[in-house]
Amino acid sequence: MHDDKEIKEKAFEQLKSLSDSELEGTNEIDFEIRLQNPDGATERFTVFFERGFADGKEGWTIRNIIRPDHLEKPENKEDGKIE
């Protein structure tokens, strides 16, 4: 399993590949990150960025990282029940 540092580095690489004009007017953006595990399988992560202002500077921060192995399994639903 990949650690947060690896995931963040890859996500910031993707963010930096976008031009200022592509990000103009955007305050939130997300990327799907794909990293290969030691077994050769591809692991997918979704990284959510948010544009923020602090100390008079503007920048992007990571708001959340979604890891498929940490998602909860949906509960079994009763037949005919709408939720």
PDB file of N, CA and C in Angstrom:
ATOM      1  N   MET A   1       0.846  -1.179   0.000  1.00  0.00           N
ATOM      2  CA  MET A   1       0.000   0.000   0.000  1.00  0.00           C
ATOM      3  C   MET A   1       0.887   1.236   0.000  1.00  0.00           C
ATOM      4  N   HIS A   2       0.454   2.235  -0.701  1.00  0.00           N
ATOM      5  CA  HIS A   2       1.216   3.476  -0.830  1.00  0.00           C
ATOM      6  C   HIS A   2       0.899   4.425   0.320  1.00  0.00           C
ATOM      7  N   ASP A   3       1.912   5.169   0.741  1.00  0.00           N
ATOM      8  CA  ASP A   3       1.696   6.119   1.823  1.00  0.00           C
ATOM      9  C   ASP A   3       1.233   7.466   1.270  1.00  0.00           C
ATOM     10  N   ASP A   4       0.786   8.334   2.178  1.00  0.00           N
ATOM     11  CA  ASP A   4       0.258   9.641   1.783  1.00  0.00           C
ATOM     12  C   ASP A   4       1.287  10.460   1.004  1.00  0.00           C
ATOM     13  N   LYS A   5       2.551  10.364   1.381  1.00  0.00           N
ATOM     14  CA  LYS A   5       3.588  11.161   0.721  1.00  0.00           C
ATOM     15  C   LYS A   5       3.651  10.837  -0.780  1.00  0.00           C
ATOM     16  N   GLU A   6       3.652   9.555  -1.127  1.00  0.00           N
ATOM     17  CA  GLU A   6       3.692   9.141  -2.529  1.00  0.00           C
ATOM     18  C   GLU A   6       2.465   9.644  -3.293  1.00  0.00           C
ATOM     19  N   ILE A   7       1.312   9.494  -2.684  1.00  0.00           N
ATOM     20  CA  ILE A   7       0.063   9.902  -3.318  1.00  0.00           C
ATOM     21  C   ILE A   7       0.045  11.410  -3.525  1.00  0.00           C
ATOM     22  N   LYS A   8       0.450  12.165  -2.512  1.00  0.00           N
ATOM     23  CA  LYS A   8       0.466  13.626  -2.606  1.00  0.00           C
ATOM     24  C   LYS A   8       1.438  14.107  -3.670  1.00  0.00           C
ATOM     25  N   GLU A   9       2.628  13.498  -3.740  1.00  0.00           N
ATOM     26  CA  GLU A   9       3.612  13.893  -4.741  1.00  0.00           C
ATOM     27  C   GLU A   9       3.059  13.716  -6.150  1.00  0.00           C
ATOM     28  N   LYS A  10       2.431  12.588  -6.401  1.00  0.00           N
ATOM     29  CA  LYS A  10       1.857  12.301  -7.712  1.00  0.00           C
ATOM     30  C   LYS A  10       0.717  13.271  -8.018  1.00  0.00           C
ATOM     31  N   ALA A  11      -0.107  13.576  -7.023  1.00  0.00           N
ATOM     32  CA  ALA A  11      -1.229  14.496  -7.216  1.00  0.00           C
ATOM     33  C   ALA A  11      -0.726  15.906  -7.526  1.00  0.00           C
ATOM     34  N   PHE A  12       0.298  16.367  -6.813  1.00  0.00           N
ATOM     35  CA  PHE A  12       0.841  17.700  -7.082  1.00  0.00           C
ATOM     36  C   PHE A  12       1.505  17.765  -8.458  1.00  0.00           C
ATOM     37  N   GLU A  13       2.085  16.651  -8.919  1.00  0.00           N
ATOM     38  CA  GLU A  13       2.631  16.602 -10.284  1.00  0.00           C
ATOM     39  C   GLU A  13       1.525  16.862 -11.301  1.00  0.00           C
ATOM     40  N   GLN A  14       0.379  16.213 -11.102  1.00  0.00           N
ATOM     41  CA  GLN A  14      -0.742  16.411 -12.026  1.00  0.00           C
ATOM     42  C   GLN A  14      -1.264  17.842 -11.953  1.00  0.00           C
ATOM     43  N   LEU A  15      -1.345  18.384 -10.745  1.00  0.00           N
ATOM     44  CA  LEU A  15      -1.819  19.753 -10.590  1.00  0.00           C
ATOM     45  C   LEU A  15      -0.879  20.732 -11.288  1.00  0.00           C
ATOM     46  N   LYS A  16       0.423  20.526 -11.131  1.00  0.00           N
ATOM     47  CA  LYS A  16       1.408  21.419 -11.749  1.00  0.00           C
ATOM     48  C   LYS A  16       1.403  21.320 -13.266  1.00  0.00           C
ATOM     49  N   SER A  17       0.899  20.215 -13.814  1.00  0.00           N
ATOM     50  CA  SER A  17       0.859  20.056 -15.268  1.00  0.00           C
ATOM     51  C   SER A  17      -0.226  20.922 -15.909  1.00  0.00           C
ATOM     52  N   LEU A  18      -1.141  21.450 -15.104  1.00  0.00           N
ATOM     53  CA  LEU A  18      -2.192  22.330 -15.610  1.00  0.00           C
ATOM     54  C   LEU A  18      -1.704  23.773 -15.625  1.00  0.00           C
ATOM     55  N   SER A  19      -2.116  24.509 -16.634  1.00  0.00           N
ATOM     56  CA  SER A  19      -1.714  25.916 -16.735  1.00  0.00           C
ATOM     57  C   SER A  19      -2.586  26.781 -15.835  1.00  0.00           C
ATOM     58  N   ASP A  20      -2.114  27.989 -15.573  1.00  0.00           N
ATOM     59  CA  ASP A  20      -2.884  28.928 -14.760  1.00  0.00           C
ATOM     60  C   ASP A  20      -4.238  29.228 -15.402  1.00  0.00           C
ATOM     61  N   SER A  21      -4.267  29.288 -16.739  1.00  0.00           N
ATOM     62  CA  SER A  21      -5.534  29.582 -17.410  1.00  0.00           C
ATOM     63  C   SER A  21      -6.525  28.421 -17.258  1.00  0.00           C
ATOM     64  N   GLU A  22      -6.024  27.190 -17.188  1.00  0.00           N
ATOM     65  CA  GLU A  22      -6.907  26.039 -16.982  1.00  0.00           C
ATOM     66  C   GLU A  22      -7.498  26.038 -15.571  1.00  0.00           C
ATOM     67  N   LEU A  23      -6.761  26.580 -14.620  1.00  0.00           N
ATOM     68  CA  LEU A  23      -7.208  26.598 -13.225  1.00  0.00           C
ATOM     69  C   LEU A  23      -7.922  27.893 -12.849  1.00  0.00           C
ATOM     70  N   GLU A  24      -7.937  28.856 -13.761  1.00  0.00           N
ATOM     71  CA  GLU A  24      -8.552  30.152 -13.475  1.00  0.00           C
ATOM     72  C   GLU A  24     -10.033  29.984 -13.128  1.00  0.00           C
ATOM     73  N   GLY A  25     -10.433  30.578 -12.025  1.00  0.00           N
ATOM     74  CA  GLY A  25     -11.817  30.510 -11.580  1.00  0.00           C
ATOM     75  C   GLY A  25     -12.175  29.211 -10.885  1.00  0.00           C
ATOM     76  N   THR A  26     -11.208  28.315 -10.741  1.00  0.00           N
ATOM     77  CA  THR A  26     -11.450  27.032 -10.089  1.00  0.00           C
ATOM     78  C   THR A  26     -10.951  27.092  -8.653  1.00  0.00           C
ATOM     79  N   ASN A  27     -11.793  26.695  -7.719  1.00  0.00           N
ATOM     80  CA  ASN A  27     -11.401  26.674  -6.310  1.00  0.00           C
ATOM     81  C   ASN A  27     -11.274  25.257  -5.772  1.00  0.00           C
ATOM     82  N   GLU A  28     -11.794  24.286  -6.521  1.00  0.00           N
ATOM     83  CA  GLU A  28     -11.712  22.882  -6.123  1.00  0.00           C
ATOM     84  C   GLU A  28     -11.433  22.052  -7.362  1.00  0.00           C
ATOM     85  N   ILE A  29     -10.640  21.010  -7.192  1.00  0.00           N
ATOM     86  CA  ILE A  29     -10.342  20.108  -8.303  1.00  0.00           C
ATOM     87  C   ILE A  29      -9.967  18.756  -7.716  1.00  0.00           C
ATOM     88  N   ASP A  30     -10.231  17.700  -8.470  1.00  0.00           N
ATOM     89  CA  ASP A  30      -9.835  16.374  -7.995  1.00  0.00           C
ATOM     90  C   ASP A  30      -9.145  15.619  -9.124  1.00  0.00           C
ATOM     91  N   PHE A  31      -8.279  14.701  -8.727  1.00  0.00           N
ATOM     92  CA  PHE A  31      -7.540  13.874  -9.667  1.00  0.00           C
ATOM     93  C   PHE A  31      -7.629  12.426  -9.236  1.00  0.00           C
ATOM     94  N   GLU A  32      -7.647  11.536 -10.231  1.00  0.00           N
ATOM     95  CA  GLU A  32      -7.520  10.113  -9.947  1.00  0.00           C
ATOM     96  C   GLU A  32      -6.051   9.773 -10.133  1.00  0.00           C
ATOM     97  N   ILE A  33      -5.447   9.250  -9.095  1.00  0.00           N
ATOM     98  CA  ILE A  33      -4.038   8.892  -9.098  1.00  0.00           C
ATOM     99  C   ILE A  33      -3.932   7.378  -9.212  1.00  0.00           C
ATOM    100  N   ARG A  34      -3.069   6.931 -10.098  1.00  0.00           N
ATOM    101  CA  ARG A  34      -2.845   5.488 -10.265  1.00  0.00           C
ATOM    102  C   ARG A  34      -1.384   5.192  -9.954  1.00  0.00           C
ATOM    103  N   LEU A  35      -1.182   4.286  -9.020  1.00  0.00           N
ATOM    104  CA  LEU A  35       0.156   3.852  -8.636  1.00  0.00           C
ATOM    105  C   LEU A  35       0.209   2.333  -8.665  1.00  0.00           C
ATOM    106  N   GLN A  36       1.343   1.823  -9.053  1.00  0.00           N
ATOM    107  CA  GLN A  36       1.497   0.371  -9.134  1.00  0.00           C
ATOM    108  C   GLN A  36       2.003  -0.170  -7.800  1.00  0.00           C
ATOM    109  N   ASN A  37       1.397  -1.261  -7.333  1.00  0.00           N
ATOM    110  CA  ASN A  37       1.844  -1.870  -6.086  1.00  0.00           C
ATOM    111  C   ASN A  37       2.936  -2.899  -6.389  1.00  0.00           C
ATOM    112  N   PRO A  38       3.591  -3.448  -5.368  1.00  0.00           N
ATOM    113  CA  PRO A  38       4.690  -4.407  -5.593  1.00  0.00           C
ATOM    114  C   PRO A  38       4.274  -5.646  -6.382  1.00  0.00           C
ATOM    115  N   ASP A  39       3.001  -5.999  -6.358  1.00  0.00           N
ATOM    116  CA  ASP A  39       2.516  -7.162  -7.101  1.00  0.00           C
ATOM    117  C   ASP A  39       2.270  -6.851  -8.573  1.00  0.00           C
ATOM    118  N   GLY A  40       2.402  -5.566  -8.945  1.00  0.00           N
ATOM    119  CA  GLY A  40       2.179  -5.163 -10.333  1.00  0.00           C
ATOM    120  C   GLY A  40       0.777  -4.685 -10.627  1.00  0.00           C
ATOM    121  N   ALA A  41      -0.108  -4.764  -9.653  1.00  0.00           N
ATOM    122  CA  ALA A  41      -1.481  -4.299  -9.839  1.00  0.00           C
ATOM    123  C   ALA A  41      -1.538  -2.779  -9.670  1.00  0.00           C
ATOM    124  N   THR A  42      -2.486  -2.172 -10.342  1.00  0.00           N
ATOM    125  CA  THR A  42      -2.660  -0.725 -10.246  1.00  0.00           C
ATOM    126  C   THR A  42      -3.620  -0.396  -9.119  1.00  0.00           C
ATOM    127  N   GLU A  43      -3.212   0.528  -8.257  1.00  0.00           N
ATOM    128  CA  GLU A  43      -4.076   1.010  -7.184  1.00  0.00           C
ATOM    129  C   GLU A  43      -4.521   2.421  -7.545  1.00  0.00           C
ATOM    130  N   ARG A  44      -5.807   2.701  -7.337  1.00  0.00           N
ATOM    131  CA  ARG A  44      -6.360   4.008  -7.674  1.00  0.00           C
ATOM    132  C   ARG A  44      -6.715   4.772  -6.406  1.00  0.00           C
ATOM    133  N   PHE A  45      -6.426   6.057  -6.427  1.00  0.00           N
ATOM    134  CA  PHE A  45      -6.756   6.951  -5.322  1.00  0.00           C
ATOM    135  C   PHE A  45      -7.369   8.210  -5.923  1.00  0.00           C
ATOM    136  N   THR A  46      -8.282   8.826  -5.213  1.00  0.00           N
ATOM    137  CA  THR A  46      -8.830  10.104  -5.646  1.00  0.00           C
ATOM    138  C   THR A  46      -8.373  11.159  -4.649  1.00  0.00           C
ATOM    139  N   VAL A  47      -7.774  12.223  -5.189  1.00  0.00           N
ATOM    140  CA  VAL A  47      -7.242  13.295  -4.355  1.00  0.00           C
ATOM    141  C   VAL A  47      -8.019  14.571  -4.656  1.00  0.00           C
ATOM    142  N   PHE A  48      -8.562  15.190  -3.613  1.00  0.00           N
ATOM    143  CA  PHE A  48      -9.339  16.419  -3.733  1.00  0.00           C
ATOM    144  C   PHE A  48      -8.500  17.600  -3.263  1.00  0.00           C
ATOM    145  N   PHE A  49      -8.356  18.590  -4.134  1.00  0.00           N
ATOM    146  CA  PHE A  49      -7.623  19.814  -3.813  1.00  0.00           C
ATOM    147  C   PHE A  49      -8.605  20.957  -3.596  1.00  0.00           C
ATOM    148  N   GLU A  50      -8.147  21.918  -2.807  1.00  0.00           N
ATOM    149  CA  GLU A  50      -8.923  23.119  -2.544  1.00  0.00           C
ATOM    150  C   GLU A  50      -7.972  24.306  -2.587  1.00  0.00           C
ATOM    151  N   ARG A  51      -8.392  25.371  -3.283  1.00  0.00           N
ATOM    152  CA  ARG A  51      -7.574  26.575  -3.333  1.00  0.00           C
ATOM    153  C   ARG A  51      -7.852  27.374  -2.071  1.00  0.00           C
ATOM    154  N   GLY A  52      -6.789  27.807  -1.408  1.00  0.00           N
ATOM    155  CA  GLY A  52      -6.965  28.544  -0.167  1.00  0.00           C
ATOM    156  C   GLY A  52      -6.066  29.763  -0.096  1.00  0.00           C
ATOM    157  N   PHE A  53      -6.376  30.600   0.845  1.00  0.00           N
ATOM    158  CA  PHE A  53      -5.608  31.813   1.073  1.00  0.00           C
ATOM    159  C   PHE A  53      -5.157  31.824   2.523  1.00  0.00           C
ATOM    160  N   ALA A  54      -3.861  32.021   2.732  1.00  0.00           N
ATOM    161  CA  ALA A  54      -3.331  32.110   4.091  1.00  0.00           C
ATOM    162  C   ALA A  54      -2.147  33.063   4.086  1.00  0.00           C
ATOM    163  N   ASP A  55      -2.109  33.927   5.049  1.00  0.00           N
ATOM    164  CA  ASP A  55      -1.018  34.896   5.175  1.00  0.00           C
ATOM    165  C   ASP A  55      -0.797  35.683   3.891  1.00  0.00           C
ATOM    166  N   GLY A  56      -1.893  36.024   3.200  1.00  0.00           N
ATOM    167  CA  GLY A  56      -1.796  36.810   1.977  1.00  0.00           C
ATOM    168  C   GLY A  56      -1.311  36.040   0.767  1.00  0.00           C
ATOM    169  N   LYS A  57      -1.155  34.727   0.901  1.00  0.00           N
ATOM    170  CA  LYS A  57      -0.697  33.900  -0.214  1.00  0.00           C
ATOM    171  C   LYS A  57      -1.812  32.950  -0.642  1.00  0.00           C
ATOM    172  N   GLU A  58      -1.833  32.700  -1.931  1.00  0.00           N
ATOM    173  CA  GLU A  58      -2.811  31.771  -2.477  1.00  0.00           C
ATOM    174  C   GLU A  58      -2.107  30.470  -2.823  1.00  0.00           C
ATOM    175  N   GLY A  59      -2.770  29.342  -2.564  1.00  0.00           N
ATOM    176  CA  GLY A  59      -2.163  28.065  -2.896  1.00  0.00           C
ATOM    177  C   GLY A  59      -3.172  26.941  -2.844  1.00  0.00           C
ATOM    178  N   TRP A  60      -2.732  25.776  -3.301  1.00  0.00           N
ATOM    179  CA  TRP A  60      -3.571  24.590  -3.307  1.00  0.00           C
ATOM    180  C   TRP A  60      -3.192  23.676  -2.151  1.00  0.00           C
ATOM    181  N   THR A  61      -4.203  23.174  -1.476  1.00  0.00           N
ATOM    182  CA  THR A  61      -3.968  22.210  -0.404  1.00  0.00           C
ATOM    183  C   THR A  61      -4.826  20.975  -0.675  1.00  0.00           C
ATOM    184  N   ILE A  62      -4.380  19.859  -0.173  1.00  0.00           N
ATOM    185  CA  ILE A  62      -5.141  18.626  -0.328  1.00  0.00           C
ATOM    186  C   ILE A  62      -6.175  18.560   0.788  1.00  0.00           C
ATOM    187  N   ARG A  63      -7.417  18.441   0.378  1.00  0.00           N
ATOM    188  CA  ARG A  63      -8.518  18.385   1.334  1.00  0.00           C
ATOM    189  C   ARG A  63      -8.792  16.956   1.773  1.00  0.00           C
ATOM    190  N   ASN A  64      -8.654  16.001   0.812  1.00  0.00           N
ATOM    191  CA  ASN A  64      -9.008  14.629   1.150  1.00  0.00           C
ATOM    192  C   ASN A  64      -8.364  13.665   0.160  1.00  0.00           C
ATOM    193  N   ILE A  65      -8.035  12.481   0.638  1.00  0.00           N
ATOM    194  CA  ILE A  65      -7.552  11.392  -0.203  1.00  0.00           C
ATOM    195  C   ILE A  65      -8.492  10.214   0.016  1.00  0.00           C
ATOM    196  N   ILE A  66      -9.074   9.733  -1.064  1.00  0.00           N
ATOM    197  CA  ILE A  66      -9.966   8.585  -0.978  1.00  0.00           C
ATOM    198  C   ILE A  66      -9.172   7.347  -1.358  1.00  0.00           C
ATOM    199  N   ARG A  67      -9.132   6.401  -0.444  1.00  0.00           N
ATOM    200  CA  ARG A  67      -8.432   5.130  -0.657  1.00  0.00           C
ATOM    201  C   ARG A  67      -9.477   4.032  -0.768  1.00  0.00           C
ATOM    202  N   PRO A  68      -9.482   3.316  -1.879  1.00  0.00           N
ATOM    203  CA  PRO A  68     -10.507   2.272  -2.056  1.00  0.00           C
ATOM    204  C   PRO A  68     -10.528   1.236  -0.936  1.00  0.00           C
ATOM    205  N   ASP A  69      -9.372   0.926  -0.357  1.00  0.00           N
ATOM    206  CA  ASP A  69      -9.346  -0.081   0.707  1.00  0.00           C
ATOM    207  C   ASP A  69      -9.929   0.434   2.019  1.00  0.00           C
ATOM    208  N   HIS A  70     -10.177   1.744   2.121  1.00  0.00           N
ATOM    209  CA  HIS A  70     -10.755   2.299   3.344  1.00  0.00           C
ATOM    210  C   HIS A  70     -12.245   2.596   3.210  1.00  0.00           C
ATOM    211  N   LEU A  71     -12.815   2.344   2.027  1.00  0.00           N
ATOM    212  CA  LEU A  71     -14.240   2.590   1.842  1.00  0.00           C
ATOM    213  C   LEU A  71     -15.039   1.512   2.554  1.00  0.00           C
ATOM    214  N   GLU A  72     -16.162   1.906   3.091  1.00  0.00           N
ATOM    215  CA  GLU A  72     -17.016   0.948   3.767  1.00  0.00           C
ATOM    216  C   GLU A  72     -17.863   0.201   2.752  1.00  0.00           C
ATOM    217  N   LYS A  73     -18.123  -1.053   3.040  1.00  0.00           N
ATOM    218  CA  LYS A  73     -19.010  -1.825   2.177  1.00  0.00           C
ATOM    219  C   LYS A  73     -20.434  -1.354   2.416  1.00  0.00           C
ATOM    220  N   PRO A  74     -21.225  -1.261   1.355  1.00  0.00           N
ATOM    221  CA  PRO A  74     -22.616  -0.850   1.560  1.00  0.00           C
ATOM    222  C   PRO A  74     -23.374  -1.907   2.348  1.00  0.00           C
ATOM    223  N   GLU A  75     -24.328  -1.430   3.119  1.00  0.00           N
ATOM    224  CA  GLU A  75     -25.148  -2.346   3.901  1.00  0.00           C
ATOM    225  C   GLU A  75     -26.099  -3.089   2.973  1.00  0.00           C
ATOM    226  N   ASN A  76     -26.449  -4.287   3.367  1.00  0.00           N
ATOM    227  CA  ASN A  76     -27.440  -5.040   2.600  1.00  0.00           C
ATOM    228  C   ASN A  76     -28.783  -4.332   2.717  1.00  0.00           C
ATOM    229  N   LYS A  77     -29.451  -4.198   1.572  1.00  0.00           N
ATOM    230  CA  LYS A  77     -30.744  -3.545   1.563  1.00  0.00           C
ATOM    231  C   LYS A  77     -31.846  -4.583   1.487  1.00  0.00           C
ATOM    232  N   GLU A  78     -32.954  -4.250   2.127  1.00  0.00           N
ATOM    233  CA  GLU A  78     -34.099  -5.142   2.056  1.00  0.00           C
ATOM    234  C   GLU A  78     -34.738  -5.007   0.681  1.00  0.00           C
ATOM    235  N   ASP A  79     -35.205  -6.125   0.135  1.00  0.00           N
ATOM    236  CA  ASP A  79     -35.847  -6.107  -1.171  1.00  0.00           C
ATOM    237  C   ASP A  79     -37.048  -5.162  -1.146  1.00  0.00           C
ATOM    238  N   GLY A  80     -37.147  -4.351  -2.178  1.00  0.00           N
ATOM    239  CA  GLY A  80     -38.275  -3.445  -2.309  1.00  0.00           C
ATOM    240  C   GLY A  80     -38.170  -2.190  -1.464  1.00  0.00           C
ATOM    241  N   LYS A  81     -37.121  -2.048  -0.679  1.00  0.00           N
ATOM    242  CA  LYS A  81     -36.978  -0.881   0.194  1.00  0.00           C
ATOM    243  C   LYS A  81     -36.218   0.221  -0.540  1.00  0.00           C
ATOM    244  N   ILE A  82     -36.721   1.433  -0.462  1.00  0.00           N
ATOM    245  CA  ILE A  82     -36.063   2.585  -1.075  1.00  0.00           C
ATOM    246  C   ILE A  82     -35.439   3.413   0.032  1.00  0.00           C
ATOM    247  N   GLU A  83     -34.193   3.784  -0.149  1.00  0.00           N
ATOM    248  CA  GLU A  83     -33.510   4.595   0.876  1.00  0.00           C
ATOM    249  C   GLU A  83     -33.133   5.930   0.325  1.00  0.00           C
TER     250      GLU A  83
END
